[in-house]
Amino acid sequence: MKSNLEHSEAAAIFNKDVKRVDWHDETLWFVREKRDKAAFQIPEWELLRETASQIKNNVLSNIHDYLLEFESNAQKNGIIVHWAADADEHNKIVHSIMEKHGVKQMVKSKSMLTEECHLNEYLSEKGIDVIDSDLGERIVQLRKEPPSHIVLPAIHLKKEDVSETFHEHLGTEKGNNDPQYLTEAARLHLRDTFLTRKVALTGVNFAIAETGEIVVCTNEGNADMGVHLADVHIACMGFEKIIPQRKHLSVFLRLLARSATGQPITTFSSHFKTPRDGKEMHIVIVDNGRTTQLGREDFRNSLKCIRCGACMNTCPVYRRSGGHSYHNAVAGPIGSILAPNLDMSKNADLPFASTLCGSCTNVCPVKIDIHDQLYKWRQVLVKEGHSPLGKTVAMKGMATVLANPMVFDLAGKAGRFVMKNIPILVNNSLNPWYKQREMPAPPSASFREWYKKNGKESKDKKNE
């Protein structure tokens, strides 16, 4: 759900609770450390990354052929394949399947694509009751919040928050914060859902062109429970989820869980190839701006993403600003290079929510050049007129100062004079830098002045 606040404004709200911010930061860094330990245990880790990256390069360069191959093989397997140009068409297709079967209830496992398309809200307006069966997704659904992380959807919440939510909605004991008790309550709550829902929706982690099958990776088994007990299975995927052959799957499965949570592999890596007797299986293949991204040479690599969340876990900005500050289904560094592709004006703030430190690129299992794309998006957004007026004027003024040595020298002297003699002009709430930091003591001279003096003294001593 799009927030009216820009990233910096939403992050400022999140940062008011200092203890929670520190906890959020430390928790995600703990996951990042687990990733490092898991990666370093494999001597061929970098080879796996390079192999996965090259496989994805091949896919993006031949996506048309692979999609048609996948569709043909899936149809041979008895699967009904649908194509959706955008989010609205995707939602209408899913709803039409529900209507065809006269069903008003759905059980859904984690799917970032459906979050991107706002499927839950769409179906709710049509009178369809959707239950998210992933524990983290269910928690945020009960709280009427979007996920804040693509792998850890409720990472912004503490066990006390979950306890309050479950007490309100599930009738659990007030103040009981025991994770085992809360998990058991969720399990009992969802059991009836699995047994009674006739339509189950899943995402797709990988779609294999060679066989026409899909693979869904979960740690809770909720996708399997929902699908195996339902009459209709709907799987929704962005077209970039294609991989050429089944033999390539092992490369990605070895990378995915290690990058996401530090596990050797997800608990469940489930293959769905054919519908069971008397049941239906549908696959909805979605574009929703991906073709546009594919056509942008500087940004097409973002479509390699396997949604592991490693870039979020390592990003110093994400860890201390929270996922909801990105006002998109996919937050963090990867979301910041995907979102402007969908709508530049609404998401122009996101590429600037980064230090450009490059840590996101370093941990990406498919070698997406994330920090380079963030920098390139900034250039595109400014050229397209999407930067704030104040920032545009400030940058033009700074460019003038930096381009003229005499003006630069005068500005430096003026700045040092003000900081030394009238500090209130810079040490105030109007200065964003001062809000979080103490201003440094002004130097007695600029580097140029110091060098002129010391350089001359050094020469004189040498001549002596």
Protein backbone atom coordinates (compact mmCIF):
# COMPACT_ATOMS: atom_id res chain seq x y z
CA MET A 1 0.00 0.00 0.00
CA LYS A 2 1.43 3.34 -1.06
CA SER A 3 2.16 5.65 1.85
CA ASN A 4 1.74 9.41 1.49
CA LEU A 5 5.08 9.80 3.24
CA GLU A 6 8.43 9.73 1.51
CA HIS A 7 11.09 7.35 2.76
CA SER A 8 12.89 9.91 4.93
CA GLU A 9 9.64 11.00 6.60
CA ALA A 10 8.45 7.45 7.28
CA ALA A 11 11.92 6.48 8.52
CA ALA A 12 11.88 9.42 10.94
CA ILE A 13 8.69 8.03 12.49
CA PHE A 14 10.23 4.54 12.79
CA ASN A 15 13.34 6.07 14.38
CA LYS A 16 11.40 7.64 17.24
CA ASP A 17 11.47 4.27 19.02
CA VAL A 18 15.24 4.05 19.48
CA LYS A 19 15.23 0.71 21.30
CA ARG A 20 13.13 -0.91 18.58
CA VAL A 21 15.37 0.50 15.87
CA ASP A 22 18.46 -0.89 17.62
CA TRP A 23 16.77 -4.27 18.01
CA HIS A 24 15.67 -4.29 14.34
CA ASP A 25 19.20 -3.41 13.26
CA GLU A 26 20.85 -6.08 15.42
CA THR A 27 18.36 -8.80 14.46
CA LEU A 28 18.84 -8.31 10.73
CA TRP A 29 22.61 -8.14 11.12
CA PHE A 30 22.42 -11.46 13.00
CA VAL A 31 20.72 -12.94 9.91
CA ARG A 32 23.42 -11.39 7.71
CA GLU A 33 26.10 -13.05 9.87
CA LYS A 34 24.34 -16.40 9.51
CA ARG A 35 24.44 -15.88 5.74
CA ASP A 36 28.18 -15.28 5.83
CA LYS A 37 28.84 -18.41 7.89
CA ALA A 38 26.73 -20.55 5.54
CA ALA A 39 28.39 -19.09 2.44
CA PHE A 40 31.95 -19.48 3.70
CA GLN A 41 31.36 -23.16 4.40
CA ILE A 42 31.14 -23.79 0.64
CA PRO A 43 34.45 -23.46 -1.22
CA GLU A 44 32.64 -23.02 -4.54
CA TRP A 45 30.33 -20.22 -3.28
CA GLU A 46 31.60 -17.59 -5.70
CA LEU A 47 31.40 -20.07 -8.56
CA LEU A 48 27.76 -20.75 -7.66
CA ARG A 49 27.03 -17.01 -7.69
CA GLU A 50 28.69 -16.56 -11.07
CA THR A 51 26.91 -19.60 -12.50
CA ALA A 52 23.53 -18.39 -11.28
CA SER A 53 24.20 -14.93 -12.69
CA GLN A 54 25.11 -16.34 -16.11
CA ILE A 55 22.06 -18.62 -16.15
CA LYS A 56 19.88 -15.59 -15.46
CA ASN A 57 21.67 -13.61 -18.18
CA ASN A 58 20.79 -16.38 -20.58
CA VAL A 59 17.17 -16.38 -19.43
CA LEU A 60 16.74 -12.63 -19.81
CA SER A 61 18.30 -12.72 -23.28
CA ASN A 62 16.00 -15.54 -24.42
CA ILE A 63 12.96 -14.94 -22.24
CA HIS A 64 10.47 -15.15 -25.13
CA ASP A 65 11.56 -18.65 -26.12
CA TYR A 66 11.76 -19.95 -22.57
CA LEU A 67 8.30 -18.64 -21.69
CA LEU A 68 6.74 -20.31 -24.72
CA GLU A 69 8.59 -23.55 -23.93
CA PHE A 70 7.36 -23.39 -20.34
CA GLU A 71 3.78 -22.71 -21.42
CA SER A 72 3.82 -25.60 -23.91
CA ASN A 73 5.21 -28.09 -21.40
CA ALA A 74 2.93 -26.91 -18.61
CA GLN A 75 -0.13 -27.34 -20.83
CA LYS A 76 1.06 -30.85 -21.77
CA ASN A 77 1.15 -31.55 -18.04
CA GLY A 78 -2.51 -30.55 -17.73
CA ILE A 79 -1.91 -27.10 -16.25
CA ILE A 80 -4.02 -24.11 -17.37
CA VAL A 81 -1.72 -21.17 -18.20
CA HIS A 82 -2.85 -17.53 -18.08
CA TRP A 83 -1.00 -14.38 -19.16
CA ALA A 84 -1.46 -11.04 -17.36
CA ALA A 85 -0.13 -7.75 -18.72
CA ASP A 86 -0.47 -5.89 -15.44
CA ALA A 87 -1.65 -6.11 -11.83
CA ASP A 88 -5.29 -5.43 -12.68
CA GLU A 89 -5.40 -8.22 -15.26
CA HIS A 90 -3.69 -10.59 -12.83
CA ASN A 91 -6.28 -9.86 -10.14
CA LYS A 92 -9.17 -10.30 -12.56
CA ILE A 93 -7.84 -13.68 -13.70
CA VAL A 94 -7.57 -14.95 -10.13
CA HIS A 95 -11.05 -13.68 -9.34
CA SER A 96 -12.49 -15.28 -12.46
CA ILE A 97 -11.16 -18.67 -11.37
CA MET A 98 -12.78 -18.19 -7.97
CA GLU A 99 -16.06 -17.21 -9.62
CA LYS A 100 -15.95 -20.20 -11.97
CA HIS A 101 -15.89 -22.52 -8.96
CA GLY A 102 -18.36 -20.48 -6.92
CA VAL A 103 -15.84 -20.11 -4.09
CA LYS A 104 -15.67 -17.19 -1.67
CA GLN A 105 -12.69 -18.30 0.41
CA MET A 106 -9.00 -18.73 -0.36
CA VAL A 107 -5.92 -19.88 1.56
CA LYS A 108 -2.74 -18.20 0.36
CA SER A 109 0.92 -18.87 1.03
CA LYS A 110 3.62 -16.22 0.68
CA SER A 111 3.65 -14.47 -2.68
CA MET A 112 5.38 -11.12 -3.16
CA LEU A 113 3.83 -10.84 -6.60
CA THR A 114 0.32 -10.80 -5.14
CA GLU A 115 1.51 -8.15 -2.66
CA GLU A 116 2.82 -6.16 -5.62
CA CYS A 117 -0.56 -6.51 -7.34
CA HIS A 118 -2.57 -5.81 -4.16
CA LEU A 119 -4.55 -9.00 -4.71
CA ASN A 120 -5.83 -9.29 -1.13
CA GLU A 121 -7.44 -5.86 -1.24
CA TYR A 122 -8.94 -6.54 -4.68
CA LEU A 123 -10.49 -9.87 -3.65
CA SER A 124 -11.74 -8.41 -0.38
CA GLU A 125 -13.66 -5.78 -2.35
CA LYS A 126 -15.20 -8.63 -4.36
CA GLY A 127 -16.37 -10.39 -1.20
CA ILE A 128 -13.59 -13.01 -1.18
CA ASP A 129 -12.12 -13.97 2.20
CA VAL A 130 -8.34 -14.48 1.90
CA ILE A 131 -6.30 -16.05 4.69
CA ASP A 132 -2.49 -15.78 4.52
CA SER A 133 -1.12 -19.06 5.89
CA ASP A 134 2.53 -18.06 6.30
CA LEU A 135 2.90 -17.21 10.01
CA GLY A 136 4.58 -13.85 9.48
CA GLU A 137 2.15 -12.91 6.72
CA ARG A 138 -0.81 -13.90 8.90
CA ILE A 139 0.45 -11.75 11.76
CA VAL A 140 0.73 -8.62 9.61
CA GLN A 141 -2.58 -9.44 7.90
CA LEU A 142 -4.35 -9.49 11.27
CA ARG A 143 -2.74 -6.13 12.05
CA LYS A 144 -3.81 -4.78 8.64
CA GLU A 145 -0.20 -4.05 7.75
CA PRO A 146 1.81 -4.99 4.66
CA PRO A 147 4.90 -7.20 5.05
CA SER A 148 8.04 -5.25 5.91
CA HIS A 149 10.47 -7.82 4.47
CA ILE A 150 10.18 -10.29 1.59
CA VAL A 151 11.42 -13.27 3.63
CA LEU A 152 10.70 -12.13 7.21
CA PRO A 153 7.39 -10.29 6.80
CA ALA A 154 6.93 -9.49 10.51
CA ILE A 155 10.56 -8.74 11.35
CA HIS A 156 9.56 -5.26 12.53
CA LEU A 157 7.47 -6.78 15.33
CA LYS A 158 8.52 -8.17 18.71
CA LYS A 159 6.93 -11.13 20.46
CA GLU A 160 5.04 -8.70 22.70
CA ASP A 161 3.41 -7.17 19.61
CA VAL A 162 2.43 -10.62 18.34
CA SER A 163 1.00 -11.51 21.76
CA GLU A 164 -1.21 -8.41 21.74
CA THR A 165 -2.34 -9.10 18.18
CA PHE A 166 -3.23 -12.73 18.91
CA HIS A 167 -5.02 -11.76 22.12
CA GLU A 168 -7.16 -9.32 20.15
CA HIS A 169 -7.91 -11.55 17.16
CA LEU A 170 -7.43 -15.14 18.33
CA GLY A 171 -8.39 -14.85 21.99
CA THR A 172 -5.03 -15.96 23.39
CA GLU A 173 -4.04 -15.29 26.98
CA LYS A 174 -3.29 -11.62 27.54
CA GLY A 175 0.36 -10.94 28.26
CA ASN A 176 1.56 -14.44 27.36
CA ASN A 177 4.60 -13.73 25.21
CA ASP A 178 5.93 -17.28 24.98
CA PRO A 179 6.81 -17.91 21.29
CA GLN A 180 5.91 -21.60 21.51
CA TYR A 181 2.49 -20.78 22.95
CA LEU A 182 1.86 -18.14 20.28
CA THR A 183 3.00 -20.44 17.46
CA GLU A 184 0.71 -23.20 18.69
CA ALA A 185 -2.21 -20.74 18.78
CA ALA A 186 -1.50 -19.76 15.17
CA ARG A 187 -1.27 -23.42 14.17
CA LEU A 188 -4.68 -24.21 15.66
CA HIS A 189 -6.14 -21.08 14.07
CA LEU A 190 -4.90 -22.03 10.61
CA ARG A 191 -5.73 -25.73 10.77
CA ASP A 192 -9.42 -25.17 10.01
CA THR A 193 -8.42 -22.89 7.13
CA PHE A 194 -6.38 -25.64 5.46
CA LEU A 195 -9.20 -28.16 5.90
CA THR A 196 -12.00 -25.99 4.53
CA ARG A 197 -10.58 -23.78 1.77
CA LYS A 198 -11.13 -25.21 -1.71
CA VAL A 199 -8.82 -22.80 -3.53
CA ALA A 200 -5.14 -22.41 -2.60
CA LEU A 201 -2.82 -19.79 -4.05
CA THR A 202 0.96 -19.96 -3.97
CA GLY A 203 3.82 -17.96 -5.34
CA VAL A 204 6.53 -19.44 -7.53
CA ASN A 205 10.22 -19.45 -6.69
CA PHE A 206 11.34 -21.16 -9.90
CA ALA A 207 9.54 -22.20 -13.11
CA ILE A 208 11.40 -24.76 -15.21
CA ALA A 209 10.98 -24.29 -18.96
CA GLU A 210 12.24 -27.78 -19.81
CA THR A 211 9.58 -29.59 -17.75
CA GLY A 212 6.73 -27.11 -17.32
CA GLU A 213 6.87 -27.50 -13.53
CA ILE A 214 7.15 -24.95 -10.73
CA VAL A 215 9.06 -25.07 -7.47
CA VAL A 216 7.86 -23.43 -4.25
CA CYS A 217 10.27 -23.02 -1.31
CA THR A 218 8.94 -22.64 2.25
CA ASN A 219 10.05 -23.35 5.79
CA GLU A 220 6.60 -23.93 7.28
CA GLY A 221 5.01 -26.32 4.80
CA ASN A 222 1.95 -24.11 4.55
CA ALA A 223 2.05 -24.00 0.76
CA ASP A 224 1.99 -27.80 0.58
CA MET A 225 -0.83 -28.05 3.15
CA GLY A 226 -2.96 -25.53 1.29
CA VAL A 227 -2.41 -27.04 -2.16
CA HIS A 228 -2.80 -30.70 -1.22
CA LEU A 229 -6.08 -30.14 0.60
CA ALA A 230 -7.61 -27.82 -2.03
CA ASP A 231 -9.46 -28.61 -5.24
CA VAL A 232 -7.84 -25.73 -7.16
CA HIS A 233 -4.21 -24.59 -7.07
CA ILE A 234 -3.43 -21.11 -8.46
CA ALA A 235 0.28 -20.25 -8.81
CA CYS A 236 1.22 -16.65 -9.63
CA MET A 237 4.63 -15.66 -10.98
CA GLY A 238 6.48 -12.81 -12.58
CA PHE A 239 7.89 -13.98 -15.91
CA GLU A 240 11.47 -13.61 -14.64
CA LYS A 241 11.06 -16.71 -12.45
CA ILE A 242 11.90 -18.94 -15.43
CA ILE A 243 15.04 -21.11 -15.42
CA PRO A 244 15.95 -23.20 -18.48
CA GLN A 245 16.41 -26.76 -17.18
CA ARG A 246 15.82 -28.81 -14.05
CA LYS A 247 19.57 -29.37 -13.64
CA HIS A 248 19.96 -25.62 -13.07
CA LEU A 249 17.66 -25.74 -10.07
CA SER A 250 20.35 -27.08 -7.73
CA VAL A 251 22.46 -23.96 -8.28
CA PHE A 252 19.67 -21.68 -7.10
CA LEU A 253 18.50 -23.89 -4.24
CA ARG A 254 22.03 -23.89 -2.80
CA LEU A 255 22.14 -20.10 -2.98
CA LEU A 256 18.61 -19.13 -1.96
CA ALA A 257 18.27 -20.32 1.65
CA ARG A 258 21.89 -19.60 2.53
CA SER A 259 21.50 -16.03 1.31
CA ALA A 260 18.10 -15.55 2.93
CA THR A 261 18.43 -17.08 6.41
CA GLY A 262 21.76 -18.90 6.56
CA GLN A 263 20.13 -22.33 6.14
CA PRO A 264 21.70 -25.00 3.90
CA ILE A 265 18.33 -25.34 2.14
CA THR A 266 14.70 -24.46 2.76
CA THR A 267 12.76 -27.02 4.81
CA PHE A 268 10.38 -27.65 1.91
CA SER A 269 11.34 -27.33 -1.77
CA SER A 270 8.14 -28.57 -3.40
CA HIS A 271 7.73 -29.45 -7.09
CA PHE A 272 4.32 -29.02 -8.70
CA LYS A 273 4.14 -30.47 -12.19
CA THR A 274 0.64 -31.88 -12.79
CA PRO A 275 -2.74 -31.42 -11.13
CA ARG A 276 -3.96 -34.38 -9.12
CA ASP A 277 -6.87 -36.43 -10.45
CA GLY A 278 -10.06 -34.42 -10.38
CA LYS A 279 -8.23 -31.22 -9.38
CA GLU A 280 -7.22 -28.08 -11.28
CA MET A 281 -3.93 -26.24 -11.47
CA HIS A 282 -3.56 -22.74 -12.89
CA ILE A 283 -0.41 -20.69 -13.48
CA VAL A 284 -0.70 -16.92 -13.97
CA ILE A 285 2.37 -15.41 -15.68
CA VAL A 286 2.61 -11.66 -15.05
CA ASP A 287 4.44 -8.81 -16.75
CA ASN A 288 3.44 -5.69 -14.76
CA GLY A 289 6.33 -3.51 -15.93
CA ARG A 290 8.91 -6.26 -16.27
CA THR A 291 9.10 -5.89 -20.05
CA THR A 292 9.91 -2.21 -19.60
CA GLN A 293 12.65 -3.07 -17.11
CA LEU A 294 13.99 -5.71 -19.49
CA GLY A 295 14.33 -3.04 -22.17
CA ARG A 296 16.36 -0.73 -19.92
CA GLU A 297 19.95 -1.83 -20.41
CA ASP A 298 21.20 -0.26 -17.19
CA PHE A 299 18.45 -1.86 -15.09
CA ARG A 300 17.57 -5.20 -16.70
CA ASN A 301 19.84 -7.11 -14.29
CA SER A 302 17.40 -6.34 -11.48
CA LEU A 303 15.14 -9.01 -13.02
CA LYS A 304 17.65 -11.65 -11.93
CA CYS A 305 16.43 -11.26 -8.34
CA ILE A 306 15.44 -14.51 -6.60
CA ARG A 307 13.85 -12.67 -3.63
CA CYS A 308 16.26 -13.88 -0.94
CA GLY A 309 16.27 -10.60 1.01
CA ALA A 310 20.05 -10.67 1.61
CA CYS A 311 20.40 -7.07 0.41
CA MET A 312 17.88 -5.96 3.03
CA ASN A 313 19.60 -7.80 5.86
CA THR A 314 22.92 -6.10 5.13
CA CYS A 315 21.71 -2.61 4.17
CA PRO A 316 22.48 -0.06 6.94
CA VAL A 317 19.63 2.17 5.75
CA TYR A 318 16.99 -0.59 5.64
CA ARG A 319 18.05 -1.97 9.01
CA ARG A 320 17.53 1.40 10.68
CA SER A 321 14.54 2.69 8.73
CA GLY A 322 12.23 -0.36 8.58
CA GLY A 323 10.60 -1.96 5.58
CA HIS A 324 7.40 0.08 5.70
CA SER A 325 9.34 3.28 5.02
CA TYR A 326 9.82 2.09 1.42
CA HIS A 327 6.05 2.19 0.70
CA ASN A 328 6.24 -0.77 -1.69
CA ALA A 329 5.73 -4.54 -1.62
CA VAL A 330 9.47 -5.05 -2.09
CA ALA A 331 11.51 -2.86 0.25
CA GLY A 332 15.22 -2.33 0.73
CA PRO A 333 17.88 -1.92 -1.96
CA ILE A 334 16.30 -4.30 -4.48
CA GLY A 335 12.91 -2.64 -4.07
CA SER A 336 14.53 0.74 -4.61
CA ILE A 337 15.69 -0.26 -8.10
CA LEU A 338 12.48 -2.11 -9.01
CA ALA A 339 9.93 0.44 -7.83
CA PRO A 340 10.94 3.43 -10.02
CA ASN A 341 10.41 1.20 -13.03
CA LEU A 342 6.72 0.89 -12.09
CA ASP A 343 6.22 4.59 -11.33
CA MET A 344 9.06 7.11 -11.32
CA SER A 345 7.12 9.96 -9.74
CA LYS A 346 5.77 7.92 -6.80
CA ASN A 347 9.05 6.15 -6.11
CA ALA A 348 11.60 8.85 -6.91
CA ASP A 349 12.66 9.03 -3.26
CA LEU A 350 13.72 5.38 -2.95
CA PRO A 351 17.04 5.30 -4.90
CA PHE A 352 18.22 8.08 -2.57
CA ALA A 353 17.54 5.90 0.51
CA SER A 354 21.03 4.42 0.29
CA THR A 355 24.61 5.11 1.30
CA LEU A 356 25.84 3.45 -1.94
CA CYS A 357 28.19 1.41 0.25
CA GLY A 358 27.89 -1.59 -2.09
CA SER A 359 27.18 -4.18 0.61
CA CYS A 360 23.94 -5.13 -1.16
CA THR A 361 25.84 -5.98 -4.34
CA ASN A 362 28.43 -7.95 -2.39
CA VAL A 363 25.86 -10.32 -0.87
CA CYS A 364 23.53 -10.70 -3.86
CA PRO A 365 23.53 -14.41 -4.82
CA VAL A 366 22.97 -13.64 -8.52
CA LYS A 367 25.39 -10.70 -8.67
CA ILE A 368 22.92 -7.88 -9.36
CA ASP A 369 24.84 -4.59 -9.46
CA ILE A 370 22.38 -3.05 -7.00
CA HIS A 371 24.36 -0.05 -5.77
CA ASP A 372 25.37 0.88 -9.33
CA GLN A 373 21.72 0.79 -10.36
CA LEU A 374 20.75 2.95 -7.38
CA TYR A 375 23.26 5.55 -8.55
CA LYS A 376 22.06 5.32 -12.16
CA TRP A 377 18.42 5.66 -11.09
CA ARG A 378 19.33 8.88 -9.29
CA GLN A 379 20.71 10.27 -12.51
CA VAL A 380 17.64 9.21 -14.51
CA LEU A 381 15.21 10.62 -11.94
CA VAL A 382 16.94 13.99 -11.82
CA LYS A 383 17.08 14.23 -15.61
CA GLU A 384 13.39 13.33 -15.82
CA GLY A 385 12.54 16.10 -13.36
CA HIS A 386 11.56 13.91 -10.41
CA SER A 387 13.94 15.33 -7.81
CA PRO A 388 12.50 17.80 -5.22
CA LEU A 389 12.82 21.46 -6.17
CA GLY A 390 14.84 22.28 -3.05
CA LYS A 391 17.34 19.53 -3.74
CA THR A 392 17.60 20.49 -7.43
CA VAL A 393 18.32 24.14 -6.56
CA ALA A 394 20.81 23.13 -3.85
CA MET A 395 22.68 20.78 -6.18
CA LYS A 396 22.87 23.39 -8.94
CA GLY A 397 24.20 25.91 -6.42
CA MET A 398 26.76 23.41 -5.16
CA ALA A 399 27.83 22.63 -8.73
CA THR A 400 28.47 26.33 -9.33
CA VAL A 401 30.53 26.62 -6.13
CA LEU A 402 32.60 23.51 -6.84
CA ALA A 403 33.25 24.53 -10.45
CA ASN A 404 34.72 27.93 -9.51
CA PRO A 405 37.91 27.90 -7.32
CA MET A 406 37.49 31.53 -6.25
CA VAL A 407 33.84 31.05 -5.22
CA PHE A 408 34.76 27.79 -3.49
CA ASP A 409 37.49 29.54 -1.49
CA LEU A 410 35.17 32.40 -0.44
CA ALA A 411 32.38 29.96 0.50
CA GLY A 412 34.81 27.97 2.66
CA LYS A 413 35.98 31.09 4.50
CA ALA A 414 32.39 32.21 5.05
CA GLY A 415 31.40 28.79 6.35
CA ARG A 416 34.31 28.62 8.81
CA PHE A 417 33.55 32.14 10.04
CA VAL A 418 29.89 31.37 10.63
CA MET A 419 30.58 28.04 12.39
CA LYS A 420 33.12 29.71 14.68
CA ASN A 421 31.40 33.03 15.45
CA ILE A 422 27.67 32.48 14.80
CA PRO A 423 27.20 28.71 15.37
CA ILE A 424 23.45 29.04 15.89
CA LEU A 425 23.09 29.52 12.12
CA VAL A 426 24.19 25.91 11.52
CA ASN A 427 23.47 24.25 14.87
CA ASN A 428 19.68 24.28 14.60
CA SER A 429 16.82 21.97 13.66
CA LEU A 430 16.68 23.37 10.12
CA ASN A 431 20.00 21.66 9.40
CA PRO A 432 19.26 17.95 8.72
CA TRP A 433 22.88 17.01 9.49
CA TYR A 434 22.65 18.60 12.96
CA LYS A 435 19.50 16.60 13.86
CA GLN A 436 21.50 13.41 14.29
CA ARG A 437 25.08 14.67 14.81
CA GLU A 438 27.18 17.27 16.58
CA MET A 439 28.65 19.71 14.10
CA PRO A 440 32.47 19.48 14.00
CA ALA A 441 34.68 22.27 15.25
CA PRO A 442 35.60 24.53 12.30
CA PRO A 443 39.20 24.22 11.08
CA SER A 444 41.43 27.26 11.39
CA ALA A 445 42.25 27.09 7.68
CA SER A 446 41.23 25.23 4.54
CA PHE A 447 43.38 22.41 3.18
CA ARG A 448 44.47 24.65 0.29
CA GLU A 449 45.60 27.32 2.76
CA TRP A 450 47.36 24.74 4.94
CA TYR A 451 49.11 23.22 1.93
CA LYS A 452 50.30 26.57 0.62
CA LYS A 453 51.83 27.39 4.00
CA ASN A 454 53.29 23.98 4.83
CA GLY A 455 54.35 23.26 1.29
CA LYS A 456 56.35 26.50 1.22
CA GLU A 457 57.93 25.77 4.62
CA SER A 458 58.85 22.28 3.46
CA LYS A 459 60.55 23.65 0.35
CA ASP A 460 62.43 26.24 2.37
CA LYS A 461 63.74 23.60 4.76
CA LYS A 462 64.76 21.41 1.86
CA ASN A 463 66.70 24.29 0.26
CA GLU A 464 68.53 24.94 3.53
